[in-house]
Amino acid sequence: MNMLALFVMDVLTIAEAAQTTGWSARMLRYIEQTGLVVPRRSEGGYRLYGPAQVQRLRTLRDLVTTHDIGLAELGFVARLQSEPGLGAAVNEWFTARPARPEETPETDWLRFEQEKHERLLTHRTR
C-alpha cells in the first residue's frame, strides 16, 4: 500500500495496520487484548484502525524500544490505572510486613504457612 492510499482512507484493516506500523497482526491482537490500543470494529466485527490508533501503535513501539519494557508490563500499568482496587492491593503488599499469627508459636510458623497454602490449593482445585 502506498502512502497516498493511507491519506485517502480513514481506516486500515488489521493487515494494513500491521504493514504500516511494523507490528504483526498477531501482536496487534495481543496489544488489543491488553487494552493498550483498541481499534473500533466494523458491523461485521473487523478491526478498523484509524489515524489515532496507528499513531498510538507507532509511539508504543518507541516506548517499548526506548525503555526496554514489555507489552505485558505496560498492560499491567494500564490495569493499575483503571482498577483502583488493584493499585491499592499492590501497594498494600509492598508495604506489608510479614507477621506471625499470634496463636501460632514461632517454631510452627513455617509449618502453619505450608498447611495454609495446601488448604488454599485444595480449595481452588475443587
N, C-alpha and C. Protein backbone atom coordinates (compact mmCIF):
# COMPACT_ATOMS: atom_id res chain seq x y z
N MET A 1 0.86 -1.18 0.00
CA MET A 1 0.00 0.00 0.00
C MET A 1 0.90 1.23 0.00
N ASN A 2 0.61 2.19 -0.90
CA ASN A 2 1.44 3.38 -0.92
C ASN A 2 0.91 4.42 0.07
N MET A 3 1.74 5.40 0.38
CA MET A 3 1.39 6.41 1.39
C MET A 3 0.19 7.25 0.96
N LEU A 4 0.01 7.50 -0.33
CA LEU A 4 -1.14 8.27 -0.80
C LEU A 4 -2.43 7.56 -0.44
N ALA A 5 -2.45 6.25 -0.59
CA ALA A 5 -3.65 5.49 -0.26
C ALA A 5 -3.98 5.61 1.22
N LEU A 6 -2.96 5.70 2.08
CA LEU A 6 -3.20 5.84 3.51
C LEU A 6 -3.90 7.16 3.82
N PHE A 7 -3.54 8.21 3.10
CA PHE A 7 -4.15 9.52 3.36
C PHE A 7 -5.58 9.59 2.86
N VAL A 8 -5.91 8.81 1.85
CA VAL A 8 -7.26 8.81 1.30
C VAL A 8 -8.20 8.01 2.20
N MET A 9 -7.69 6.93 2.77
CA MET A 9 -8.51 6.07 3.61
C MET A 9 -8.59 6.64 5.02
N ASP A 10 -9.70 6.41 5.68
CA ASP A 10 -9.79 6.87 7.06
C ASP A 10 -9.59 5.75 8.06
N VAL A 11 -9.55 4.50 7.58
CA VAL A 11 -9.29 3.35 8.45
C VAL A 11 -8.45 2.31 7.71
N LEU A 12 -7.76 1.50 8.51
CA LEU A 12 -6.96 0.41 7.96
C LEU A 12 -7.46 -0.90 8.56
N THR A 13 -7.35 -1.96 7.79
CA THR A 13 -7.63 -3.29 8.32
C THR A 13 -6.46 -3.70 9.20
N ILE A 14 -6.59 -4.82 9.89
CA ILE A 14 -5.51 -5.28 10.74
C ILE A 14 -4.25 -5.59 9.92
N ALA A 15 -4.42 -6.16 8.73
CA ALA A 15 -3.26 -6.46 7.88
C ALA A 15 -2.57 -5.17 7.44
N GLU A 16 -3.35 -4.17 7.06
CA GLU A 16 -2.78 -2.89 6.63
C GLU A 16 -2.13 -2.17 7.81
N ALA A 17 -2.75 -2.23 8.98
CA ALA A 17 -2.16 -1.60 10.17
C ALA A 17 -0.86 -2.29 10.54
N ALA A 18 -0.82 -3.60 10.41
CA ALA A 18 0.40 -4.35 10.71
C ALA A 18 1.52 -3.93 9.76
N GLN A 19 1.21 -3.84 8.49
CA GLN A 19 2.20 -3.45 7.50
C GLN A 19 2.69 -2.02 7.76
N THR A 20 1.79 -1.13 8.11
CA THR A 20 2.12 0.27 8.31
C THR A 20 2.95 0.51 9.57
N THR A 21 2.63 -0.21 10.63
CA THR A 21 3.27 0.04 11.92
C THR A 21 4.46 -0.86 12.23
N GLY A 22 4.57 -1.97 11.51
CA GLY A 22 5.65 -2.89 11.78
C GLY A 22 5.32 -3.95 12.83
N TRP A 23 4.15 -3.85 13.45
CA TRP A 23 3.69 -4.90 14.36
C TRP A 23 3.06 -5.99 13.51
N SER A 24 3.14 -7.22 13.93
CA SER A 24 2.44 -8.28 13.22
C SER A 24 0.95 -8.23 13.58
N ALA A 25 0.13 -8.85 12.77
CA ALA A 25 -1.31 -8.90 13.06
C ALA A 25 -1.53 -9.60 14.41
N ARG A 26 -0.75 -10.63 14.66
CA ARG A 26 -0.87 -11.36 15.94
C ARG A 26 -0.56 -10.44 17.12
N MET A 27 0.49 -9.62 16.97
CA MET A 27 0.84 -8.68 18.05
C MET A 27 -0.24 -7.60 18.21
N LEU A 28 -0.83 -7.19 17.12
CA LEU A 28 -1.91 -6.20 17.22
C LEU A 28 -3.08 -6.76 18.00
N ARG A 29 -3.37 -8.04 17.81
CA ARG A 29 -4.45 -8.68 18.59
C ARG A 29 -4.07 -8.72 20.07
N TYR A 30 -2.80 -9.04 20.36
CA TYR A 30 -2.33 -9.07 21.74
C TYR A 30 -2.38 -7.66 22.36
N ILE A 31 -1.97 -6.67 21.62
CA ILE A 31 -2.00 -5.28 22.10
C ILE A 31 -3.44 -4.88 22.43
N GLU A 32 -4.36 -5.30 21.59
CA GLU A 32 -5.78 -5.03 21.86
C GLU A 32 -6.23 -5.77 23.12
N GLN A 33 -5.83 -7.02 23.24
CA GLN A 33 -6.22 -7.83 24.41
C GLN A 33 -5.74 -7.19 25.71
N THR A 34 -4.55 -6.60 25.70
CA THR A 34 -4.02 -5.95 26.90
C THR A 34 -4.67 -4.59 27.15
N GLY A 35 -5.43 -4.10 26.18
CA GLY A 35 -6.11 -2.82 26.35
C GLY A 35 -5.26 -1.62 26.03
N LEU A 36 -4.10 -1.83 25.44
CA LEU A 36 -3.21 -0.70 25.16
C LEU A 36 -3.67 0.12 23.96
N VAL A 37 -4.09 -0.54 22.90
CA VAL A 37 -4.65 0.13 21.72
C VAL A 37 -5.83 -0.72 21.27
N VAL A 38 -7.01 -0.14 21.33
CA VAL A 38 -8.22 -0.88 20.98
C VAL A 38 -8.86 -0.23 19.74
N PRO A 39 -8.81 -0.94 18.62
CA PRO A 39 -9.42 -0.38 17.41
C PRO A 39 -10.94 -0.50 17.48
N ARG A 40 -11.59 0.32 16.70
CA ARG A 40 -13.05 0.15 16.62
C ARG A 40 -13.33 -1.04 15.73
N ARG A 41 -14.58 -1.45 15.71
CA ARG A 41 -14.97 -2.63 14.92
C ARG A 41 -16.00 -2.23 13.87
N SER A 42 -15.93 -2.91 12.74
CA SER A 42 -16.94 -2.72 11.71
C SER A 42 -18.20 -3.47 12.14
N GLU A 43 -19.27 -3.27 11.40
CA GLU A 43 -20.50 -4.00 11.70
C GLU A 43 -20.29 -5.51 11.61
N GLY A 44 -19.37 -5.92 10.76
CA GLY A 44 -19.06 -7.33 10.60
C GLY A 44 -18.04 -7.84 11.62
N GLY A 45 -17.57 -6.97 12.50
CA GLY A 45 -16.63 -7.39 13.54
C GLY A 45 -15.16 -7.23 13.18
N TYR A 46 -14.86 -6.67 12.02
CA TYR A 46 -13.47 -6.49 11.63
C TYR A 46 -12.85 -5.32 12.38
N ARG A 47 -11.57 -5.46 12.74
CA ARG A 47 -10.85 -4.38 13.41
C ARG A 47 -10.58 -3.27 12.40
N LEU A 48 -10.81 -2.04 12.82
CA LEU A 48 -10.58 -0.89 11.97
C LEU A 48 -9.68 0.09 12.71
N TYR A 49 -8.50 0.32 12.16
CA TYR A 49 -7.51 1.20 12.78
C TYR A 49 -7.54 2.56 12.09
N GLY A 50 -7.85 3.58 12.85
CA GLY A 50 -7.84 4.94 12.35
C GLY A 50 -6.50 5.60 12.63
N PRO A 51 -6.38 6.88 12.26
CA PRO A 51 -5.12 7.59 12.47
C PRO A 51 -4.66 7.60 13.93
N ALA A 52 -5.59 7.74 14.85
CA ALA A 52 -5.22 7.79 16.27
C ALA A 52 -4.62 6.46 16.73
N GLN A 53 -5.23 5.35 16.31
CA GLN A 53 -4.72 4.04 16.70
C GLN A 53 -3.35 3.76 16.06
N VAL A 54 -3.19 4.17 14.80
CA VAL A 54 -1.91 3.97 14.12
C VAL A 54 -0.82 4.77 14.82
N GLN A 55 -1.13 6.01 15.20
CA GLN A 55 -0.15 6.82 15.92
C GLN A 55 0.21 6.17 17.26
N ARG A 56 -0.81 5.68 17.99
CA ARG A 56 -0.55 5.03 19.28
C ARG A 56 0.32 3.79 19.10
N LEU A 57 0.10 3.04 18.03
CA LEU A 57 0.92 1.86 17.78
C LEU A 57 2.37 2.24 17.48
N ARG A 58 2.56 3.30 16.75
CA ARG A 58 3.93 3.74 16.45
C ARG A 58 4.62 4.25 17.71
N THR A 59 3.93 5.04 18.51
CA THR A 59 4.55 5.56 19.73
C THR A 59 4.72 4.45 20.77
N LEU A 60 3.86 3.45 20.73
CA LEU A 60 4.01 2.30 21.62
C LEU A 60 5.31 1.57 21.31
N ARG A 61 5.59 1.39 20.04
CA ARG A 61 6.84 0.74 19.64
C ARG A 61 8.03 1.55 20.15
N ASP A 62 7.98 2.86 20.01
CA ASP A 62 9.07 3.71 20.51
C ASP A 62 9.23 3.57 22.02
N LEU A 63 8.13 3.57 22.74
CA LEU A 63 8.16 3.44 24.20
C LEU A 63 8.78 2.11 24.62
N VAL A 64 8.34 1.04 23.98
CA VAL A 64 8.85 -0.29 24.31
C VAL A 64 10.35 -0.39 24.01
N THR A 65 10.76 0.14 22.88
CA THR A 65 12.15 0.07 22.46
C THR A 65 13.04 0.98 23.32
N THR A 66 12.63 2.20 23.52
CA THR A 66 13.43 3.17 24.26
C THR A 66 13.66 2.76 25.71
N HIS A 67 12.61 2.23 26.33
CA HIS A 67 12.70 1.93 27.76
C HIS A 67 12.84 0.45 28.07
N ASP A 68 13.02 -0.38 27.04
CA ASP A 68 13.19 -1.82 27.22
C ASP A 68 12.12 -2.38 28.16
N ILE A 69 10.88 -2.14 27.79
CA ILE A 69 9.73 -2.57 28.60
C ILE A 69 8.86 -3.47 27.74
N GLY A 70 8.23 -4.44 28.35
CA GLY A 70 7.39 -5.36 27.62
C GLY A 70 5.94 -4.92 27.55
N LEU A 71 5.23 -5.46 26.59
CA LEU A 71 3.81 -5.12 26.44
C LEU A 71 3.00 -5.59 27.64
N ALA A 72 3.34 -6.74 28.19
CA ALA A 72 2.63 -7.23 29.38
C ALA A 72 2.81 -6.28 30.55
N GLU A 73 4.02 -5.74 30.69
CA GLU A 73 4.27 -4.78 31.76
C GLU A 73 3.43 -3.51 31.56
N LEU A 74 3.37 -3.04 30.34
CA LEU A 74 2.55 -1.86 30.05
C LEU A 74 1.07 -2.16 30.27
N GLY A 75 0.66 -3.36 29.91
CA GLY A 75 -0.73 -3.76 30.15
C GLY A 75 -1.05 -3.76 31.63
N PHE A 76 -0.09 -4.19 32.45
CA PHE A 76 -0.31 -4.17 33.90
C PHE A 76 -0.39 -2.74 34.42
N VAL A 77 0.44 -1.86 33.91
CA VAL A 77 0.38 -0.46 34.31
C VAL A 77 -0.99 0.12 33.94
N ALA A 78 -1.49 -0.23 32.77
CA ALA A 78 -2.82 0.23 32.36
C ALA A 78 -3.89 -0.28 33.33
N ARG A 79 -3.78 -1.54 33.76
CA ARG A 79 -4.73 -2.10 34.75
C ARG A 79 -4.62 -1.36 36.07
N LEU A 80 -3.40 -1.03 36.49
CA LEU A 80 -3.22 -0.30 37.74
C LEU A 80 -3.94 1.04 37.69
N GLN A 81 -3.90 1.68 36.53
CA GLN A 81 -4.55 2.98 36.39
C GLN A 81 -6.07 2.87 36.29
N SER A 82 -6.56 1.76 35.74
CA SER A 82 -8.00 1.65 35.53
C SER A 82 -8.73 0.90 36.64
N GLU A 83 -8.00 0.17 37.46
CA GLU A 83 -8.61 -0.59 38.56
C GLU A 83 -8.03 -0.11 39.89
N PRO A 84 -8.68 0.87 40.52
CA PRO A 84 -8.13 1.43 41.76
C PRO A 84 -7.90 0.39 42.85
N GLY A 85 -8.74 -0.62 42.93
CA GLY A 85 -8.57 -1.65 43.94
C GLY A 85 -7.28 -2.45 43.73
N LEU A 86 -6.90 -2.66 42.48
CA LEU A 86 -5.68 -3.39 42.18
C LEU A 86 -4.46 -2.61 42.63
N GLY A 87 -4.45 -1.33 42.32
CA GLY A 87 -3.33 -0.49 42.74
C GLY A 87 -3.17 -0.46 44.25
N ALA A 88 -4.29 -0.36 44.94
CA ALA A 88 -4.25 -0.35 46.41
C ALA A 88 -3.74 -1.69 46.94
N ALA A 89 -4.17 -2.79 46.34
CA ALA A 89 -3.73 -4.11 46.80
C ALA A 89 -2.23 -4.30 46.57
N VAL A 90 -1.73 -3.84 45.43
CA VAL A 90 -0.30 -3.97 45.14
C VAL A 90 0.50 -3.11 46.12
N ASN A 91 0.06 -1.89 46.35
CA ASN A 91 0.75 -1.02 47.31
C ASN A 91 0.73 -1.62 48.71
N GLU A 92 -0.39 -2.18 49.09
CA GLU A 92 -0.51 -2.82 50.40
C GLU A 92 0.47 -3.98 50.53
N TRP A 93 0.58 -4.78 49.48
CA TRP A 93 1.50 -5.91 49.51
C TRP A 93 2.95 -5.45 49.68
N PHE A 94 3.33 -4.39 48.94
CA PHE A 94 4.71 -3.90 49.04
C PHE A 94 5.03 -3.33 50.41
N THR A 95 4.06 -2.74 51.07
CA THR A 95 4.33 -2.12 52.38
C THR A 95 4.09 -3.06 53.55
N ALA A 96 3.42 -4.18 53.31
CA ALA A 96 3.11 -5.11 54.40
C ALA A 96 4.38 -5.79 54.92
N ARG A 97 4.40 -6.00 56.21
CA ARG A 97 5.50 -6.74 56.85
C ARG A 97 4.97 -8.10 57.27
N PRO A 98 5.75 -9.15 57.02
CA PRO A 98 5.31 -10.49 57.45
C PRO A 98 5.08 -10.50 58.96
N ALA A 99 3.97 -11.09 59.34
CA ALA A 99 3.65 -11.16 60.78
C ALA A 99 3.12 -12.55 61.11
N ARG A 100 3.69 -13.15 62.11
CA ARG A 100 3.26 -14.46 62.57
C ARG A 100 1.92 -14.32 63.28
N PRO A 101 0.95 -15.20 62.96
CA PRO A 101 -0.32 -15.16 63.69
C PRO A 101 -0.05 -15.39 65.18
N GLU A 102 -0.73 -14.64 66.01
CA GLU A 102 -0.48 -14.70 67.46
C GLU A 102 -0.65 -16.10 68.03
N GLU A 103 -1.62 -16.87 67.52
CA GLU A 103 -1.90 -18.20 68.06
C GLU A 103 -0.90 -19.26 67.59
N THR A 104 0.03 -18.88 66.70
CA THR A 104 1.00 -19.84 66.17
C THR A 104 2.37 -19.59 66.81
N PRO A 105 2.91 -20.61 67.47
CA PRO A 105 4.25 -20.47 68.04
C PRO A 105 5.28 -20.22 66.93
N GLU A 106 6.31 -19.48 67.23
CA GLU A 106 7.32 -19.13 66.22
C GLU A 106 7.94 -20.38 65.60
N THR A 107 8.10 -21.43 66.38
CA THR A 107 8.69 -22.66 65.86
C THR A 107 7.77 -23.37 64.86
N ASP A 108 6.46 -23.04 64.86
CA ASP A 108 5.50 -23.67 63.96
C ASP A 108 5.06 -22.75 62.80
N TRP A 109 5.65 -21.58 62.75
CA TRP A 109 5.20 -20.59 61.76
C TRP A 109 5.34 -21.12 60.33
N LEU A 110 6.48 -21.70 59.98
CA LEU A 110 6.68 -22.22 58.63
C LEU A 110 5.68 -23.33 58.32
N ARG A 111 5.49 -24.27 59.25
CA ARG A 111 4.52 -25.36 59.07
C ARG A 111 3.12 -24.79 58.89
N PHE A 112 2.76 -23.78 59.69
CA PHE A 112 1.45 -23.13 59.60
C PHE A 112 1.25 -22.56 58.19
N GLU A 113 2.26 -21.86 57.64
CA GLU A 113 2.14 -21.27 56.30
C GLU A 113 2.05 -22.35 55.23
N GLN A 114 2.79 -23.43 55.37
CA GLN A 114 2.72 -24.53 54.40
C GLN A 114 1.33 -25.16 54.40
N GLU A 115 0.79 -25.41 55.57
CA GLU A 115 -0.53 -26.03 55.67
C GLU A 115 -1.61 -25.09 55.13
N LYS A 116 -1.47 -23.81 55.41
CA LYS A 116 -2.44 -22.82 54.89
C LYS A 116 -2.39 -22.83 53.36
N HIS A 117 -1.20 -22.86 52.80
CA HIS A 117 -1.05 -22.89 51.35
C HIS A 117 -1.67 -24.16 50.76
N GLU A 118 -1.44 -25.28 51.39
CA GLU A 118 -2.02 -26.55 50.92
C GLU A 118 -3.54 -26.50 50.97
N ARG A 119 -4.10 -25.92 52.02
CA ARG A 119 -5.57 -25.79 52.11
C ARG A 119 -6.11 -24.91 50.99
N LEU A 120 -5.41 -23.82 50.70
CA LEU A 120 -5.84 -22.93 49.62
C LEU A 120 -5.79 -23.64 48.27
N LEU A 121 -4.72 -24.39 48.04
CA LEU A 121 -4.60 -25.13 46.78
C LEU A 121 -5.70 -26.18 46.65
N THR A 122 -5.95 -26.89 47.72
CA THR A 122 -7.00 -27.92 47.71
C THR A 122 -8.36 -27.29 47.43
N HIS A 123 -8.61 -26.15 48.04
CA HIS A 123 -9.89 -25.44 47.85
C HIS A 123 -10.05 -24.99 46.40
N ARG A 124 -8.98 -24.49 45.78
CA ARG A 124 -9.05 -23.98 44.41
C ARG A 124 -9.21 -25.09 43.38
N THR A 125 -8.73 -26.27 43.66
CA THR A 125 -8.80 -27.36 42.68
C THR A 125 -10.13 -28.09 42.72
N ARG A 126 -10.96 -27.77 43.66
CA ARG A 126 -12.28 -28.44 43.74
C ARG A 126 -13.27 -27.84 42.78
